[in-house]
Structures are given as structure tokens and as C-alpha cells.
PDB file of all heavy atoms in Angstrom:
ATOM      1  N   GLY A   1     -45.744 173.963 -13.663  1.00  0.00           N
ATOM      2  CA  GLY A   1     -45.706 172.630 -13.106  1.00  0.00           C
ATOM      3  C   GLY A   1     -44.328 172.250 -12.627  1.00  0.00           C
ATOM      4  O   GLY A   1     -43.389 173.026 -12.558  1.00  0.00           O
ATOM      5  N   GLN A   2     -44.216 170.991 -12.235  1.00  0.00           N
ATOM      6  CA  GLN A   2     -42.986 170.431 -11.737  1.00  0.00           C
ATOM      7  C   GLN A   2     -42.664 169.202 -12.579  1.00  0.00           C
ATOM      8  O   GLN A   2     -43.517 168.511 -13.081  1.00  0.00           O
ATOM      9  CB  GLN A   2     -43.105 170.038 -10.275  1.00  0.00           C
ATOM     10  CG  GLN A   2     -43.434 171.218  -9.363  1.00  0.00           C
ATOM     11  CD  GLN A   2     -43.682 170.776  -7.946  1.00  0.00           C
ATOM     12  OE1 GLN A   2     -43.758 169.556  -7.662  1.00  0.00           O
ATOM     13  NE2 GLN A   2     -43.863 171.693  -7.032  1.00  0.00           N
ATOM     14  N   GLY A   3     -41.394 168.881 -12.692  1.00  0.00           N
ATOM     15  CA  GLY A   3     -40.987 167.658 -13.310  1.00  0.00           C
ATOM     16  C   GLY A   3     -41.395 167.536 -14.760  1.00  0.00           C
ATOM     17  O   GLY A   3     -41.761 166.459 -15.234  1.00  0.00           O
ATOM     18  N   GLY A   4     -41.416 168.635 -15.496  1.00  0.00           N
ATOM     19  CA  GLY A   4     -41.787 168.561 -16.925  1.00  0.00           C
ATOM     20  C   GLY A   4     -43.267 168.614 -17.192  1.00  0.00           C
ATOM     21  O   GLY A   4     -43.690 168.568 -18.323  1.00  0.00           O
ATOM     22  N   ASP A   5     -44.076 168.690 -16.159  1.00  0.00           N
ATOM     23  CA  ASP A   5     -45.507 168.750 -16.326  1.00  0.00           C
ATOM     24  C   ASP A   5     -45.926 170.163 -16.069  1.00  0.00           C
ATOM     25  O   ASP A   5     -45.438 170.825 -15.149  1.00  0.00           O
ATOM     26  CB  ASP A   5     -46.163 167.800 -15.277  1.00  0.00           C
ATOM     27  CG  ASP A   5     -47.654 167.617 -15.552  1.00  0.00           C
ATOM     28  OD1 ASP A   5     -48.397 168.594 -15.448  1.00  0.00           O
ATOM     29  OD2 ASP A   5     -48.027 166.486 -15.860  1.00  0.00           O
ATOM     30  N   GLN A   6     -46.863 170.659 -16.874  1.00  0.00           N
ATOM     31  CA  GLN A   6     -47.262 172.061 -16.762  1.00  0.00           C
ATOM     32  C   GLN A   6     -48.277 172.293 -15.633  1.00  0.00           C
ATOM     33  O   GLN A   6     -48.764 173.387 -15.454  1.00  0.00           O
ATOM     34  CB  GLN A   6     -47.865 172.553 -18.101  1.00  0.00           C
ATOM     35  CG  GLN A   6     -46.824 172.714 -19.189  1.00  0.00           C
ATOM     36  CD  GLN A   6     -45.735 173.672 -18.772  1.00  0.00           C
ATOM     37  OE1 GLN A   6     -46.005 174.815 -18.388  1.00  0.00           O
ATOM     38  NE2 GLN A   6     -44.493 173.224 -18.836  1.00  0.00           N
ATOM     39  N   GLY A   7     -48.559 171.267 -14.875  1.00  0.00           N
ATOM     40  CA  GLY A   7     -49.475 171.411 -13.722  1.00  0.00           C
ATOM     41  C   GLY A   7     -50.919 171.487 -14.133  1.00  0.00           C
ATOM     42  O   GLY A   7     -51.257 171.267 -15.283  1.00  0.00           O
ATOM     43  N   PHE A   8     -51.775 171.747 -13.211  1.00  0.00           N
ATOM     44  CA  PHE A   8     -53.213 171.768 -13.449  1.00  0.00           C
ATOM     45  C   PHE A   8     -53.671 173.181 -13.733  1.00  0.00           C
ATOM     46  O   PHE A   8     -53.390 174.102 -12.972  1.00  0.00           O
ATOM     47  CB  PHE A   8     -53.945 171.227 -12.240  1.00  0.00           C
ATOM     48  CG  PHE A   8     -53.772 169.773 -12.001  1.00  0.00           C
ATOM     49  CD1 PHE A   8     -52.671 169.299 -11.318  1.00  0.00           C
ATOM     50  CD2 PHE A   8     -54.691 168.857 -12.460  1.00  0.00           C
ATOM     51  CE1 PHE A   8     -52.474 167.957 -11.104  1.00  0.00           C
ATOM     52  CE2 PHE A   8     -54.538 167.511 -12.266  1.00  0.00           C
ATOM     53  CZ  PHE A   8     -53.413 167.051 -11.569  1.00  0.00           C
ATOM     54  N   ASP A   9     -54.355 173.363 -14.848  1.00  0.00           N
ATOM     55  CA  ASP A   9     -54.925 174.652 -15.145  1.00  0.00           C
ATOM     56  C   ASP A   9     -56.278 174.746 -14.420  1.00  0.00           C
ATOM     57  O   ASP A   9     -57.345 174.566 -15.002  1.00  0.00           O
ATOM     58  CB  ASP A   9     -55.127 174.834 -16.644  1.00  0.00           C
ATOM     59  CG  ASP A   9     -55.687 176.173 -17.035  1.00  0.00           C
ATOM     60  OD1 ASP A   9     -55.685 177.074 -16.163  1.00  0.00           O
ATOM     61  OD2 ASP A   9     -56.144 176.329 -18.171  1.00  0.00           O
ATOM     62  N   VAL A  10     -56.243 174.967 -13.092  1.00  0.00           N
ATOM     63  CA  VAL A  10     -57.440 174.841 -12.307  1.00  0.00           C
ATOM     64  C   VAL A  10     -58.263 176.117 -12.273  1.00  0.00           C
ATOM     65  O   VAL A  10     -59.422 176.079 -11.839  1.00  0.00           O
ATOM     66  CB  VAL A  10     -57.113 174.409 -10.847  1.00  0.00           C
ATOM     67  CG1 VAL A  10     -56.331 173.119 -10.854  1.00  0.00           C
ATOM     68  CG2 VAL A  10     -56.331 175.489 -10.111  1.00  0.00           C
ATOM     69  N   GLY A  11     -57.735 177.217 -12.666  1.00  0.00           N
ATOM     70  CA  GLY A  11     -58.473 178.466 -12.595  1.00  0.00           C
ATOM     71  C   GLY A  11     -59.809 178.406 -13.311  1.00  0.00           C
ATOM     72  O   GLY A  11     -60.834 178.877 -12.822  1.00  0.00           O
ATOM     73  N   LYS A  12     -59.817 177.736 -14.494  1.00  0.00           N
ATOM     74  CA  LYS A  12     -61.071 177.678 -15.257  1.00  0.00           C
ATOM     75  C   LYS A  12     -62.070 176.732 -14.656  1.00  0.00           C
ATOM     76  O   LYS A  12     -63.245 176.730 -15.045  1.00  0.00           O
ATOM     77  CB  LYS A  12     -60.744 177.241 -16.686  1.00  0.00           C
ATOM     78  CG  LYS A  12     -60.247 175.801 -16.819  1.00  0.00           C
ATOM     79  CD  LYS A  12     -59.948 175.467 -18.279  1.00  0.00           C
ATOM     80  CE  LYS A  12     -59.455 174.058 -18.430  1.00  0.00           C
ATOM     81  NZ  LYS A  12     -59.125 173.720 -19.848  1.00  0.00           N
ATOM     82  N   HIS A  13     -61.667 175.912 -13.667  1.00  0.00           N
ATOM     83  CA  HIS A  13     -62.577 174.968 -13.043  1.00  0.00           C
ATOM     84  C   HIS A  13     -63.169 175.480 -11.727  1.00  0.00           C
ATOM     85  O   HIS A  13     -64.100 174.856 -11.207  1.00  0.00           O
ATOM     86  CB  HIS A  13     -61.846 173.641 -12.788  1.00  0.00           C
ATOM     87  CG  HIS A  13     -61.374 172.961 -14.011  1.00  0.00           C
ATOM     88  ND1 HIS A  13     -62.226 172.377 -14.940  1.00  0.00           N
ATOM     89  CD2 HIS A  13     -60.123 172.749 -14.483  1.00  0.00           C
ATOM     90  CE1 HIS A  13     -61.520 171.834 -15.918  1.00  0.00           C
ATOM     91  NE2 HIS A  13     -60.235 172.052 -15.675  1.00  0.00           N
ATOM     92  N   SER A  14     -62.591 176.534 -11.162  1.00  0.00           N
ATOM     93  CA  SER A  14     -63.068 176.971  -9.847  1.00  0.00           C
ATOM     94  C   SER A  14     -64.495 177.552  -9.878  1.00  0.00           C
ATOM     95  O   SER A  14     -65.253 177.371  -8.938  1.00  0.00           O
ATOM     96  CB  SER A  14     -62.113 177.973  -9.231  1.00  0.00           C
ATOM     97  OG  SER A  14     -61.994 179.128 -10.065  1.00  0.00           O
ATOM     98  N   ALA A  15     -64.865 178.194 -10.978  1.00  0.00           N
ATOM     99  CA  ALA A  15     -66.202 178.789 -11.029  1.00  0.00           C
ATOM    100  C   ALA A  15     -67.297 177.732 -10.917  1.00  0.00           C
ATOM    101  O   ALA A  15     -68.262 177.956 -10.178  1.00  0.00           O
ATOM    102  CB  ALA A  15     -66.355 179.603 -12.325  1.00  0.00           C
ATOM    103  N   PRO A  16     -67.215 176.572 -11.588  1.00  0.00           N
ATOM    104  CA  PRO A  16     -68.254 175.581 -11.407  1.00  0.00           C
ATOM    105  C   PRO A  16     -68.388 175.070  -9.969  1.00  0.00           C
ATOM    106  O   PRO A  16     -69.491 174.756  -9.525  1.00  0.00           O
ATOM    107  CB  PRO A  16     -67.817 174.429 -12.337  1.00  0.00           C
ATOM    108  CG  PRO A  16     -67.013 175.104 -13.399  1.00  0.00           C
ATOM    109  CD  PRO A  16     -66.307 176.205 -12.693  1.00  0.00           C
ATOM    110  N   LEU A  17     -67.281 175.000  -9.233  1.00  0.00           N
ATOM    111  CA  LEU A  17     -67.329 174.565  -7.826  1.00  0.00           C
ATOM    112  C   LEU A  17     -68.123 175.592  -7.014  1.00  0.00           C
ATOM    113  O   LEU A  17     -68.978 175.225  -6.185  1.00  0.00           O
ATOM    114  CB  LEU A  17     -65.933 174.434  -7.252  1.00  0.00           C
ATOM    115  CG  LEU A  17     -64.996 173.418  -7.888  1.00  0.00           C
ATOM    116  CD1 LEU A  17     -63.689 173.376  -7.140  1.00  0.00           C
ATOM    117  CD2 LEU A  17     -65.654 172.025  -7.914  1.00  0.00           C
ATOM    118  N   LEU A  18     -67.851 176.869  -7.215  1.00  0.00           N
ATOM    119  CA  LEU A  18     -68.595 177.908  -6.508  1.00  0.00           C
ATOM    120  C   LEU A  18     -70.053 177.920  -6.895  1.00  0.00           C
ATOM    121  O   LEU A  18     -70.927 178.169  -6.043  1.00  0.00           O
ATOM    122  CB  LEU A  18     -67.930 179.285  -6.752  1.00  0.00           C
ATOM    123  CG  LEU A  18     -66.503 179.438  -6.236  1.00  0.00           C
ATOM    124  CD1 LEU A  18     -65.898 180.746  -6.738  1.00  0.00           C
ATOM    125  CD2 LEU A  18     -66.474 179.362  -4.703  1.00  0.00           C
ATOM    126  N   ARG A  19     -70.334 177.703  -8.179  1.00  0.00           N
ATOM    127  CA  ARG A  19     -71.747 177.646  -8.615  1.00  0.00           C
ATOM    128  C   ARG A  19     -72.464 176.499  -7.932  1.00  0.00           C
ATOM    129  O   ARG A  19     -73.624 176.613  -7.522  1.00  0.00           O
ATOM    130  CB  ARG A  19     -71.842 177.496 -10.131  1.00  0.00           C
ATOM    131  CG  ARG A  19     -71.593 178.819 -10.860  1.00  0.00           C
ATOM    132  CD  ARG A  19     -72.134 178.792 -12.261  1.00  0.00           C
ATOM    133  NE  ARG A  19     -71.455 177.795 -13.095  1.00  0.00           N
ATOM    134  CZ  ARG A  19     -70.354 178.024 -13.810  1.00  0.00           C
ATOM    135  NH1 ARG A  19     -69.786 179.253 -13.754  1.00  0.00           N
ATOM    136  NH2 ARG A  19     -69.801 177.100 -14.501  1.00  0.00           N
ATOM    137  N   ARG A  20     -71.774 175.362  -7.817  1.00  0.00           N
ATOM    138  CA  ARG A  20     -72.417 174.209  -7.139  1.00  0.00           C
ATOM    139  C   ARG A  20     -72.730 174.535  -5.681  1.00  0.00           C
ATOM    140  O   ARG A  20     -73.846 174.256  -5.197  1.00  0.00           O
ATOM    141  CB  ARG A  20     -71.481 173.000  -7.199  1.00  0.00           C
ATOM    142  CG  ARG A  20     -72.107 171.757  -6.535  1.00  0.00           C
ATOM    143  CD  ARG A  20     -71.135 170.590  -6.496  1.00  0.00           C
ATOM    144  NE  ARG A  20     -71.661 169.572  -5.631  1.00  0.00           N
ATOM    145  CZ  ARG A  20     -70.955 168.545  -5.143  1.00  0.00           C
ATOM    146  NH1 ARG A  20     -69.681 168.449  -5.441  1.00  0.00           N
ATOM    147  NH2 ARG A  20     -71.501 167.644  -4.347  1.00  0.00           N
ATOM    148  N   MET A  21     -71.794 175.169  -4.990  1.00  0.00           N
ATOM    149  CA  MET A  21     -72.059 175.585  -3.624  1.00  0.00           C
ATOM    150  C   MET A  21     -73.175 176.584  -3.544  1.00  0.00           C
ATOM    151  O   MET A  21     -74.029 176.532  -2.649  1.00  0.00           O
ATOM    152  CB  MET A  21     -70.777 176.129  -3.004  1.00  0.00           C
ATOM    153  CG  MET A  21     -69.688 175.116  -2.794  1.00  0.00           C
ATOM    154  SD  MET A  21     -68.147 175.845  -2.174  1.00  0.00           S
ATOM    155  CE  MET A  21     -68.702 176.482  -0.580  1.00  0.00           C
ATOM    156  N   GLY A  22     -73.216 177.523  -4.497  1.00  0.00           N
ATOM    157  CA  GLY A  22     -74.295 178.519  -4.516  1.00  0.00           C
ATOM    158  C   GLY A  22     -75.636 177.903  -4.708  1.00  0.00           C
ATOM    159  O   GLY A  22     -76.640 178.277  -4.048  1.00  0.00           O
ATOM    160  N   GLU A  23     -75.753 176.901  -5.585  1.00  0.00           N
ATOM    161  CA  GLU A  23     -77.013 176.222  -5.840  1.00  0.00           C
ATOM    162  C   GLU A  23     -77.459 175.421  -4.605  1.00  0.00           C
ATOM    163  O   GLU A  23     -78.644 175.368  -4.288  1.00  0.00           O
ATOM    164  CB  GLU A  23     -76.933 175.329  -7.063  1.00  0.00           C
ATOM    165  CG  GLU A  23     -76.854 176.102  -8.403  1.00  0.00           C
ATOM    166  CD  GLU A  23     -78.124 176.870  -8.726  1.00  0.00           C
ATOM    167  OE1 GLU A  23     -79.218 176.472  -8.259  1.00  0.00           O
ATOM    168  OE2 GLU A  23     -78.020 177.894  -9.403  1.00  0.00           O
ATOM    169  N   GLU A  24     -76.491 174.782  -3.972  1.00  0.00           N
ATOM    170  CA  GLU A  24     -76.822 173.998  -2.765  1.00  0.00           C
ATOM    171  C   GLU A  24     -77.373 174.927  -1.667  1.00  0.00           C
ATOM    172  O   GLU A  24     -78.361 174.609  -1.009  1.00  0.00           O
ATOM    173  CB  GLU A  24     -75.588 173.285  -2.259  1.00  0.00           C
ATOM    174  CG  GLU A  24     -75.094 172.176  -3.190  1.00  0.00           C
ATOM    175  CD  GLU A  24     -75.594 170.829  -2.769  1.00  0.00           C
ATOM    176  OE1 GLU A  24     -76.260 170.700  -1.742  1.00  0.00           O
ATOM    177  OE2 GLU A  24     -75.306 169.836  -3.517  1.00  0.00           O
ATOM    178  N   LEU A  25     -76.720 176.054  -1.465  1.00  0.00           N
ATOM    179  CA  LEU A  25     -77.173 176.989  -0.430  1.00  0.00           C
ATOM    180  C   LEU A  25     -78.534 177.577  -0.816  1.00  0.00           C
ATOM    181  O   LEU A  25     -79.402 177.777   0.061  1.00  0.00           O
ATOM    182  CB  LEU A  25     -76.142 178.077  -0.194  1.00  0.00           C
ATOM    183  CG  LEU A  25     -76.453 179.088   0.919  1.00  0.00           C
ATOM    184  CD1 LEU A  25     -76.723 178.397   2.240  1.00  0.00           C
ATOM    185  CD2 LEU A  25     -75.315 180.079   1.064  1.00  0.00           C
ATOM    186  N   ALA A  26     -78.715 177.892  -2.085  1.00  0.00           N
ATOM    187  CA  ALA A  26     -79.995 178.405  -2.542  1.00  0.00           C
ATOM    188  C   ALA A  26     -81.131 177.449  -2.245  1.00  0.00           C
ATOM    189  O   ALA A  26     -82.211 177.862  -1.831  1.00  0.00           O
ATOM    190  CB  ALA A  26     -79.939 178.699  -4.038  1.00  0.00           C
ATOM    191  N   GLN A  27     -80.847 176.144  -2.425  1.00  0.00           N
ATOM    192  CA  GLN A  27     -81.900 175.170  -2.136  1.00  0.00           C
ATOM    193  C   GLN A  27     -82.260 175.155  -0.658  1.00  0.00           C
ATOM    194  O   GLN A  27     -83.449 175.054  -0.295  1.00  0.00           O
ATOM    195  CB  GLN A  27     -81.416 173.773  -2.565  1.00  0.00           C
ATOM    196  CG  GLN A  27     -82.462 172.674  -2.412  1.00  0.00           C
ATOM    197  CD  GLN A  27     -81.969 171.324  -2.940  1.00  0.00           C
ATOM    198  OE1 GLN A  27     -80.947 171.226  -3.578  1.00  0.00           O
ATOM    199  NE2 GLN A  27     -82.729 170.291  -2.621  1.00  0.00           N
ATOM    200  N   VAL A  28     -81.256 175.261   0.185  1.00  0.00           N
ATOM    201  CA  VAL A  28     -81.489 175.295   1.642  1.00  0.00           C
ATOM    202  C   VAL A  28     -82.353 176.534   1.985  1.00  0.00           C
ATOM    203  O   VAL A  28     -83.332 176.420   2.751  1.00  0.00           O
ATOM    204  CB  VAL A  28     -80.153 175.354   2.398  1.00  0.00           C
ATOM    205  CG1 VAL A  28     -80.397 175.657   3.895  1.00  0.00           C
ATOM    206  CG2 VAL A  28     -79.428 174.013   2.298  1.00  0.00           C
ATOM    207  N   ILE A  29     -82.009 177.664   1.447  1.00  0.00           N
ATOM    208  CA  ILE A  29     -82.745 178.927   1.727  1.00  0.00           C
ATOM    209  C   ILE A  29     -84.170 178.784   1.225  1.00  0.00           C
ATOM    210  O   ILE A  29     -85.135 179.126   1.927  1.00  0.00           O
ATOM    211  CB  ILE A  29     -82.033 180.116   1.081  1.00  0.00           C
ATOM    212  CG1 ILE A  29     -80.672 180.340   1.768  1.00  0.00           C
ATOM    213  CG2 ILE A  29     -82.885 181.371   1.181  1.00  0.00           C
ATOM    214  CD1 ILE A  29     -79.764 181.338   1.059  1.00  0.00           C
ATOM    215  N   GLU A  30     -84.341 178.270   0.002  1.00  0.00           N
ATOM    216  CA  GLU A  30     -85.690 178.137  -0.569  1.00  0.00           C
ATOM    217  C   GLU A  30     -86.574 177.223   0.279  1.00  0.00           C
ATOM    218  O   GLU A  30     -87.739 177.457   0.463  1.00  0.00           O
ATOM    219  CB  GLU A  30     -85.574 177.586  -1.988  1.00  0.00           C
ATOM    220  CG  GLU A  30     -86.839 177.098  -2.633  1.00  0.00           C
ATOM    221  CD  GLU A  30     -87.867 178.189  -2.903  1.00  0.00           C
ATOM    222  OE1 GLU A  30     -87.526 179.377  -2.816  1.00  0.00           O
ATOM    223  OE2 GLU A  30     -89.023 177.827  -3.204  1.00  0.00           O
ATOM    224  N   GLU A  31     -85.970 176.155   0.816  1.00  0.00           N
ATOM    225  CA  GLU A  31     -86.729 175.190   1.597  1.00  0.00           C
ATOM    226  C   GLU A  31     -87.103 175.714   2.977  1.00  0.00           C
ATOM    227  O   GLU A  31     -88.111 175.301   3.568  1.00  0.00           O
ATOM    228  CB  GLU A  31     -85.925 173.900   1.790  1.00  0.00           C
ATOM    229  CG  GLU A  31     -85.749 173.067   0.518  1.00  0.00           C
ATOM    230  CD  GLU A  31     -84.787 171.911   0.706  1.00  0.00           C
ATOM    231  OE1 GLU A  31     -84.107 171.872   1.764  1.00  0.00           O
ATOM    232  OE2 GLU A  31     -84.721 171.052  -0.160  1.00  0.00           O
ATOM    233  N   ARG A  32     -86.302 176.643   3.528  1.00  0.00           N
ATOM    234  CA  ARG A  32     -86.437 177.002   4.928  1.00  0.00           C
ATOM    235  C   ARG A  32     -86.912 178.412   5.238  1.00  0.00           C
ATOM    236  O   ARG A  32     -87.425 178.641   6.317  1.00  0.00           O
ATOM    237  CB  ARG A  32     -85.099 176.768   5.605  1.00  0.00           C
ATOM    238  CG  ARG A  32     -84.591 175.338   5.488  1.00  0.00           C
ATOM    239  CD  ARG A  32     -83.281 175.163   6.193  1.00  0.00           C
ATOM    240  NE  ARG A  32     -82.779 173.798   6.011  1.00  0.00           N
ATOM    241  CZ  ARG A  32     -81.948 173.168   6.859  1.00  0.00           C
ATOM    242  NH1 ARG A  32     -81.502 173.800   7.923  1.00  0.00           N
ATOM    243  NH2 ARG A  32     -81.519 171.966   6.614  1.00  0.00           N
ATOM    244  N   VAL A  33     -86.675 179.324   4.324  1.00  0.00           N
ATOM    245  CA  VAL A  33     -86.948 180.751   4.623  1.00  0.00           C
ATOM    246  C   VAL A  33     -88.082 181.260   3.770  1.00  0.00           C
ATOM    247  O   VAL A  33     -88.118 181.053   2.552  1.00  0.00           O
ATOM    248  CB  VAL A  33     -85.669 181.600   4.373  1.00  0.00           C
ATOM    249  CG1 VAL A  33     -85.949 183.057   4.755  1.00  0.00           C
ATOM    250  CG2 VAL A  33     -84.499 181.058   5.194  1.00  0.00           C
TER     251      VAL A  33
END
């Protein structure tokens, strides 16, 4: 981090974002194909 702050430990949060996108795309595919 900067200024005495250790910053955001975002690595552990990125997987849920990708899972959300995957589920959204899966729904589109299921509805259309």
C-alpha cells in the first residue's frame, strides 16, 4: 500500500467477479442456444 495502508487484498476477490460474469453468460446461452 501507500501512506501506511497495506492496500487492498483484491486477489481473493477476483474469482467471485469472474464467476458472476460466467453465470450471466451461461444464462444468455441457456436462453438462446
